[in-house]
Amino acid sequence: MHRTTLRRLASATGAITLALGLAACGDDGGDSRPAAVETARNGDVFNRADVDFATAMIPHHAQALRMALLAQDRSLPDEVRALVDQVQAAQTPEVETMTTWLTDWGKDIPATSMDHANAGHDMDDMDDMDGMGGSAMPGMMSGEQMEELEDSSDADFPRLWMTMMIEHHEGAITMAKAEQADGRFPDAIALAESIAES
């Protein structure tokens, strides 16, 4: 009798857990895969949406940092210089934070344009980053676009930089909204909210 009660309790608990996991998945416009919840060794509770967010946002931020690096030695209007400094100040620690999350969760850290730039590789190598392609991730510039920015004249650089950065950040907002809708890890959701607001 006691064993039967325990089995029923375990079965009910499993059903509740499954229901909560499916509810946390949210409606993302047709993708019906469940957002399975995982628990890391450090106690973090996260799901696939959190992993996807961090995995995509790290190279996305790295490209913005690469764009900021290209602006360092340029003569820029004060307003553009302030934006360059803001990108560096905000996104460098965010990359470090998301890298820590993926490490804690036992997930792979994605390659970034900064890794390849520091290793002396061509930016074109990043077009197929993680098999996603430069255009698969919202707001990512292609290798050709990055070369265009790098090779632009001092007169053209500020406008081109701002135009690309607007598109880049619109892509970040798209990814942030997906995390807010489908994520489970509170710190990732908070970061997504911050990205969308800022």
C-alpha atoms as a PDB file:
ATOM      1  CA  MET A   1       0.000   0.000   0.000  1.00  0.00           C
ATOM      2  CA  HIS A   2       2.788   2.386   0.945  1.00  0.00           C
ATOM      3  CA  ARG A   3       4.683   1.582  -2.271  1.00  0.00           C
ATOM      4  CA  THR A   4       1.581   2.205  -4.380  1.00  0.00           C
ATOM      5  CA  THR A   5       1.119   5.618  -2.765  1.00  0.00           C
ATOM      6  CA  LEU A   6       4.771   6.486  -3.406  1.00  0.00           C
ATOM      7  CA  ARG A   7       4.455   5.419  -7.050  1.00  0.00           C
ATOM      8  CA  ARG A   8       1.346   7.566  -7.509  1.00  0.00           C
ATOM      9  CA  LEU A   9       3.068  10.506  -5.836  1.00  0.00           C
ATOM     10  CA  ALA A  10       6.150  10.092  -8.053  1.00  0.00           C
ATOM     11  CA  SER A  11       3.953   9.845 -11.136  1.00  0.00           C
ATOM     12  CA  ALA A  12       1.990  12.970 -10.168  1.00  0.00           C
ATOM     13  CA  THR A  13       5.218  14.866  -9.431  1.00  0.00           C
ATOM     14  CA  GLY A  14       6.598  13.861 -12.831  1.00  0.00           C
ATOM     15  CA  ALA A  15       3.439  15.046 -14.558  1.00  0.00           C
ATOM     16  CA  ILE A  16       3.544  18.387 -12.724  1.00  0.00           C
ATOM     17  CA  THR A  17       7.225  18.846 -13.602  1.00  0.00           C
ATOM     18  CA  LEU A  18       6.498  18.097 -17.263  1.00  0.00           C
ATOM     19  CA  ALA A  19       3.558  20.508 -17.280  1.00  0.00           C
ATOM     20  CA  LEU A  20       5.638  23.264 -15.719  1.00  0.00           C
ATOM     21  CA  GLY A  21       8.433  22.650 -18.218  1.00  0.00           C
ATOM     22  CA  LEU A  22       6.007  22.876 -21.127  1.00  0.00           C
ATOM     23  CA  ALA A  23       4.411  26.021 -19.686  1.00  0.00           C
ATOM     24  CA  ALA A  24       7.843  27.631 -19.360  1.00  0.00           C
ATOM     25  CA  CYS A  25       8.419  26.983 -23.045  1.00  0.00           C
ATOM     26  CA  GLY A  26       5.964  29.692 -24.052  1.00  0.00           C
ATOM     27  CA  ASP A  27       4.544  30.307 -27.497  1.00  0.00           C
ATOM     28  CA  ASP A  28       7.317  31.282 -29.876  1.00  0.00           C
ATOM     29  CA  GLY A  29       5.284  31.326 -33.051  1.00  0.00           C
ATOM     30  CA  GLY A  30       5.338  27.708 -34.176  1.00  0.00           C
ATOM     31  CA  ASP A  31       8.385  26.083 -32.630  1.00  0.00           C
ATOM     32  CA  SER A  32       6.724  23.546 -30.357  1.00  0.00           C
ATOM     33  CA  ARG A  33       9.819  21.860 -28.924  1.00  0.00           C
ATOM     34  CA  PRO A  34       9.670  21.744 -25.117  1.00  0.00           C
ATOM     35  CA  ALA A  35      12.140  23.866 -23.200  1.00  0.00           C
ATOM     36  CA  ALA A  36      13.544  21.108 -20.989  1.00  0.00           C
ATOM     37  CA  VAL A  37      14.795  22.428 -17.677  1.00  0.00           C
ATOM     38  CA  GLU A  38      18.305  21.524 -16.549  1.00  0.00           C
ATOM     39  CA  THR A  39      20.064  22.075 -13.244  1.00  0.00           C
ATOM     40  CA  ALA A  40      23.786  22.812 -13.231  1.00  0.00           C
ATOM     41  CA  ARG A  41      26.147  21.555 -10.519  1.00  0.00           C
ATOM     42  CA  ASN A  42      26.186  25.045  -9.004  1.00  0.00           C
ATOM     43  CA  GLY A  43      22.388  24.995  -8.690  1.00  0.00           C
ATOM     44  CA  ASP A  44      21.568  27.179 -11.722  1.00  0.00           C
ATOM     45  CA  VAL A  45      18.231  26.195 -13.265  1.00  0.00           C
ATOM     46  CA  PHE A  46      18.177  26.899 -17.003  1.00  0.00           C
ATOM     47  CA  ASN A  47      16.732  25.696 -20.281  1.00  0.00           C
ATOM     48  CA  ARG A  48      17.633  25.489 -23.964  1.00  0.00           C
ATOM     49  CA  ALA A  49      16.471  29.063 -24.594  1.00  0.00           C
ATOM     50  CA  ASP A  50      18.979  30.320 -21.999  1.00  0.00           C
ATOM     51  CA  VAL A  51      21.786  28.324 -23.615  1.00  0.00           C
ATOM     52  CA  ASP A  52      20.809  29.525 -27.097  1.00  0.00           C
ATOM     53  CA  PHE A  53      20.663  33.132 -25.880  1.00  0.00           C
ATOM     54  CA  ALA A  54      24.137  33.071 -24.326  1.00  0.00           C
ATOM     55  CA  THR A  55      25.623  31.043 -27.185  1.00  0.00           C
ATOM     56  CA  ALA A  56      24.325  33.507 -29.779  1.00  0.00           C
ATOM     57  CA  MET A  57      24.833  36.693 -27.793  1.00  0.00           C
ATOM     58  CA  ILE A  58      28.539  36.062 -27.067  1.00  0.00           C
ATOM     59  CA  PRO A  59      29.625  36.217 -30.741  1.00  0.00           C
ATOM     60  CA  HIS A  60      27.048  38.948 -31.355  1.00  0.00           C
ATOM     61  CA  HIS A  61      28.582  41.108 -28.620  1.00  0.00           C
ATOM     62  CA  ALA A  62      32.070  40.176 -29.802  1.00  0.00           C
ATOM     63  CA  GLN A  63      31.300  41.585 -33.220  1.00  0.00           C
ATOM     64  CA  ALA A  64      30.102  44.844 -31.665  1.00  0.00           C
ATOM     65  CA  LEU A  65      33.348  44.961 -29.686  1.00  0.00           C
ATOM     66  CA  ARG A  66      35.265  44.329 -32.898  1.00  0.00           C
ATOM     67  CA  MET A  67      33.419  47.277 -34.470  1.00  0.00           C
ATOM     68  CA  ALA A  68      34.313  49.406 -31.459  1.00  0.00           C
ATOM     69  CA  LEU A  69      37.942  48.341 -31.803  1.00  0.00           C
ATOM     70  CA  LEU A  70      37.934  49.457 -35.444  1.00  0.00           C
ATOM     71  CA  ALA A  71      36.743  52.875 -34.236  1.00  0.00           C
ATOM     72  CA  GLN A  72      39.516  53.361 -31.682  1.00  0.00           C
ATOM     73  CA  ASP A  73      42.024  55.126 -33.931  1.00  0.00           C
ATOM     74  CA  ARG A  74      39.466  57.044 -35.967  1.00  0.00           C
ATOM     75  CA  SER A  75      38.656  60.715 -35.694  1.00  0.00           C
ATOM     76  CA  LEU A  76      35.032  60.661 -34.526  1.00  0.00           C
ATOM     77  CA  PRO A  77      32.394  63.183 -33.476  1.00  0.00           C
ATOM     78  CA  ASP A  78      32.019  63.290 -29.693  1.00  0.00           C
ATOM     79  CA  GLU A  79      28.582  61.618 -29.813  1.00  0.00           C
ATOM     80  CA  VAL A  80      29.934  58.666 -31.807  1.00  0.00           C
ATOM     81  CA  ARG A  81      32.977  58.367 -29.550  1.00  0.00           C
ATOM     82  CA  ALA A  82      30.607  58.192 -26.562  1.00  0.00           C
ATOM     83  CA  LEU A  83      28.697  55.342 -28.221  1.00  0.00           C
ATOM     84  CA  VAL A  84      31.928  53.472 -28.965  1.00  0.00           C
ATOM     85  CA  ASP A  85      32.960  53.787 -25.315  1.00  0.00           C
ATOM     86  CA  GLN A  86      29.488  52.699 -24.176  1.00  0.00           C
ATOM     87  CA  VAL A  87      29.613  49.539 -26.315  1.00  0.00           C
ATOM     88  CA  GLN A  88      32.985  48.583 -24.861  1.00  0.00           C
ATOM     89  CA  ALA A  89      32.011  49.340 -21.271  1.00  0.00           C
ATOM     90  CA  ALA A  90      28.743  47.408 -21.393  1.00  0.00           C
ATOM     91  CA  GLN A  91      29.442  44.451 -23.622  1.00  0.00           C
ATOM     92  CA  THR A  92      32.857  43.311 -22.425  1.00  0.00           C
ATOM     93  CA  PRO A  93      31.584  42.322 -18.938  1.00  0.00           C
ATOM     94  CA  GLU A  94      28.408  40.862 -20.447  1.00  0.00           C
ATOM     95  CA  VAL A  95      30.487  38.518 -22.629  1.00  0.00           C
ATOM     96  CA  GLU A  96      32.452  37.468 -19.541  1.00  0.00           C
ATOM     97  CA  THR A  97      29.214  36.845 -17.627  1.00  0.00           C
ATOM     98  CA  MET A  98      27.646  34.733 -20.369  1.00  0.00           C
ATOM     99  CA  THR A  99      30.877  32.770 -20.805  1.00  0.00           C
ATOM    100  CA  THR A 100      30.748  31.970 -17.085  1.00  0.00           C
ATOM    101  CA  TRP A 101      27.138  30.780 -17.404  1.00  0.00           C
ATOM    102  CA  LEU A 102      27.957  28.397 -20.251  1.00  0.00           C
ATOM    103  CA  THR A 103      31.006  27.112 -18.383  1.00  0.00           C
ATOM    104  CA  ASP A 104      28.951  26.513 -15.236  1.00  0.00           C
ATOM    105  CA  TRP A 105      26.291  24.736 -17.290  1.00  0.00           C
ATOM    106  CA  GLY A 106      28.820  22.486 -19.011  1.00  0.00           C
ATOM    107  CA  LYS A 107      28.041  23.945 -22.453  1.00  0.00           C
ATOM    108  CA  ASP A 108      30.433  24.849 -25.261  1.00  0.00           C
ATOM    109  CA  ILE A 109      31.755  28.400 -25.507  1.00  0.00           C
ATOM    110  CA  PRO A 110      31.246  29.701 -29.067  1.00  0.00           C
ATOM    111  CA  ALA A 111      34.091  30.985 -31.189  1.00  0.00           C
ATOM    112  CA  THR A 112      33.960  34.722 -31.828  1.00  0.00           C
ATOM    113  CA  SER A 113      35.302  37.218 -34.310  1.00  0.00           C
ATOM    114  CA  MET A 114      37.554  38.552 -31.562  1.00  0.00           C
ATOM    115  CA  ASP A 115      39.101  35.117 -31.057  1.00  0.00           C
ATOM    116  CA  HIS A 116      39.850  34.845 -34.764  1.00  0.00           C
ATOM    117  CA  ALA A 117      41.037  38.446 -35.052  1.00  0.00           C
ATOM    118  CA  ASN A 118      43.448  37.909 -32.186  1.00  0.00           C
ATOM    119  CA  ALA A 119      44.646  34.685 -33.792  1.00  0.00           C
ATOM    120  CA  GLY A 120      45.304  36.497 -37.063  1.00  0.00           C
ATOM    121  CA  HIS A 121      42.469  34.884 -39.035  1.00  0.00           C
ATOM    122  CA  ASP A 122      40.481  36.694 -41.703  1.00  0.00           C
ATOM    123  CA  MET A 123      37.076  38.050 -40.707  1.00  0.00           C
ATOM    124  CA  ASP A 124      35.559  36.066 -43.603  1.00  0.00           C
ATOM    125  CA  ASP A 125      36.203  32.946 -41.540  1.00  0.00           C
ATOM    126  CA  MET A 126      33.432  34.067 -39.222  1.00  0.00           C
ATOM    127  CA  ASP A 127      30.709  33.978 -41.884  1.00  0.00           C
ATOM    128  CA  ASP A 128      30.083  30.342 -41.006  1.00  0.00           C
ATOM    129  CA  MET A 129      30.580  30.782 -37.272  1.00  0.00           C
ATOM    130  CA  ASP A 130      29.170  27.763 -35.456  1.00  0.00           C
ATOM    131  CA  GLY A 131      27.603  26.667 -38.727  1.00  0.00           C
ATOM    132  CA  MET A 132      25.100  29.500 -38.429  1.00  0.00           C
ATOM    133  CA  GLY A 133      26.411  31.804 -41.160  1.00  0.00           C
ATOM    134  CA  GLY A 134      26.780  35.539 -40.707  1.00  0.00           C
ATOM    135  CA  SER A 135      23.216  36.254 -41.778  1.00  0.00           C
ATOM    136  CA  ALA A 136      21.560  33.525 -39.656  1.00  0.00           C
ATOM    137  CA  MET A 137      21.983  35.510 -36.452  1.00  0.00           C
ATOM    138  CA  PRO A 138      19.907  38.717 -36.290  1.00  0.00           C
ATOM    139  CA  GLY A 139      21.952  41.860 -36.801  1.00  0.00           C
ATOM    140  CA  MET A 140      25.277  40.177 -37.577  1.00  0.00           C
ATOM    141  CA  MET A 141      27.403  41.881 -40.204  1.00  0.00           C
ATOM    142  CA  SER A 142      28.975  39.745 -42.911  1.00  0.00           C
ATOM    143  CA  GLY A 143      32.711  39.536 -43.411  1.00  0.00           C
ATOM    144  CA  GLU A 144      32.334  41.805 -46.443  1.00  0.00           C
ATOM    145  CA  GLN A 145      30.488  44.428 -44.405  1.00  0.00           C
ATOM    146  CA  MET A 146      33.171  44.363 -41.725  1.00  0.00           C
ATOM    147  CA  GLU A 147      35.846  44.793 -44.384  1.00  0.00           C
ATOM    148  CA  GLU A 148      33.886  47.700 -45.838  1.00  0.00           C
ATOM    149  CA  LEU A 149      33.814  49.342 -42.421  1.00  0.00           C
ATOM    150  CA  GLU A 150      37.499  48.749 -41.830  1.00  0.00           C
ATOM    151  CA  ASP A 151      38.457  50.085 -45.268  1.00  0.00           C
ATOM    152  CA  SER A 152      36.132  53.104 -45.212  1.00  0.00           C
ATOM    153  CA  SER A 153      37.513  56.616 -45.239  1.00  0.00           C
ATOM    154  CA  ASP A 154      37.589  58.734 -42.095  1.00  0.00           C
ATOM    155  CA  ALA A 155      34.802  60.836 -43.579  1.00  0.00           C
ATOM    156  CA  ASP A 156      32.536  57.825 -44.241  1.00  0.00           C
ATOM    157  CA  PHE A 157      33.399  55.754 -41.173  1.00  0.00           C
ATOM    158  CA  PRO A 158      31.146  57.423 -38.521  1.00  0.00           C
ATOM    159  CA  ARG A 159      27.938  57.180 -40.570  1.00  0.00           C
ATOM    160  CA  LEU A 160      28.710  53.625 -41.708  1.00  0.00           C
ATOM    161  CA  TRP A 161      29.593  52.585 -38.152  1.00  0.00           C
ATOM    162  CA  MET A 162      26.338  53.986 -36.749  1.00  0.00           C
ATOM    163  CA  THR A 163      24.246  52.457 -39.550  1.00  0.00           C
ATOM    164  CA  MET A 164      25.745  49.023 -38.915  1.00  0.00           C
ATOM    165  CA  MET A 165      25.481  49.392 -35.148  1.00  0.00           C
ATOM    166  CA  ILE A 166      21.768  50.240 -35.394  1.00  0.00           C
ATOM    167  CA  GLU A 167      21.144  47.064 -37.396  1.00  0.00           C
ATOM    168  CA  HIS A 168      23.365  45.116 -35.015  1.00  0.00           C
ATOM    169  CA  HIS A 169      21.456  46.289 -31.951  1.00  0.00           C
ATOM    170  CA  GLU A 170      18.079  45.658 -33.565  1.00  0.00           C
ATOM    171  CA  GLY A 171      19.230  42.056 -33.920  1.00  0.00           C
ATOM    172  CA  ALA A 172      20.221  41.982 -30.248  1.00  0.00           C
ATOM    173  CA  ILE A 173      16.735  43.188 -29.305  1.00  0.00           C
ATOM    174  CA  THR A 174      15.202  40.339 -31.318  1.00  0.00           C
ATOM    175  CA  MET A 175      17.329  37.783 -29.446  1.00  0.00           C
ATOM    176  CA  ALA A 176      16.642  39.481 -26.103  1.00  0.00           C
ATOM    177  CA  LYS A 177      12.880  39.309 -26.633  1.00  0.00           C
ATOM    178  CA  ALA A 178      13.118  35.590 -27.460  1.00  0.00           C
ATOM    179  CA  GLU A 179      14.995  35.037 -24.190  1.00  0.00           C
ATOM    180  CA  GLN A 180      12.435  37.033 -22.221  1.00  0.00           C
ATOM    181  CA  ALA A 181       9.638  34.921 -23.707  1.00  0.00           C
ATOM    182  CA  ASP A 182      11.220  31.475 -23.431  1.00  0.00           C
ATOM    183  CA  GLY A 183      14.122  31.617 -20.955  1.00  0.00           C
ATOM    184  CA  ARG A 184      14.153  30.162 -17.468  1.00  0.00           C
ATOM    185  CA  PHE A 185      17.432  31.385 -15.894  1.00  0.00           C
ATOM    186  CA  PRO A 186      16.615  34.626 -14.007  1.00  0.00           C
ATOM    187  CA  ASP A 187      19.993  36.286 -14.640  1.00  0.00           C
ATOM    188  CA  ALA A 188      19.747  35.629 -18.392  1.00  0.00           C
ATOM    189  CA  ILE A 189      16.218  37.020 -18.503  1.00  0.00           C
ATOM    190  CA  ALA A 190      17.379  40.098 -16.567  1.00  0.00           C
ATOM    191  CA  LEU A 191      20.268  40.614 -18.994  1.00  0.00           C
ATOM    192  CA  ALA A 192      17.863  40.262 -21.924  1.00  0.00           C
ATOM    193  CA  GLU A 193      15.607  42.904 -20.378  1.00  0.00           C
ATOM    194  CA  SER A 194      18.584  45.206 -19.911  1.00  0.00           C
ATOM    195  CA  ILE A 195      19.716  44.719 -23.516  1.00  0.00           C
ATOM    196  CA  ALA A 196      16.228  45.419 -24.883  1.00  0.00           C
ATOM    197  CA  GLU A 197      15.827  48.548 -22.739  1.00  0.00           C
ATOM    198  CA  SER A 198      19.276  50.019 -23.333  1.00  0.00           C
END
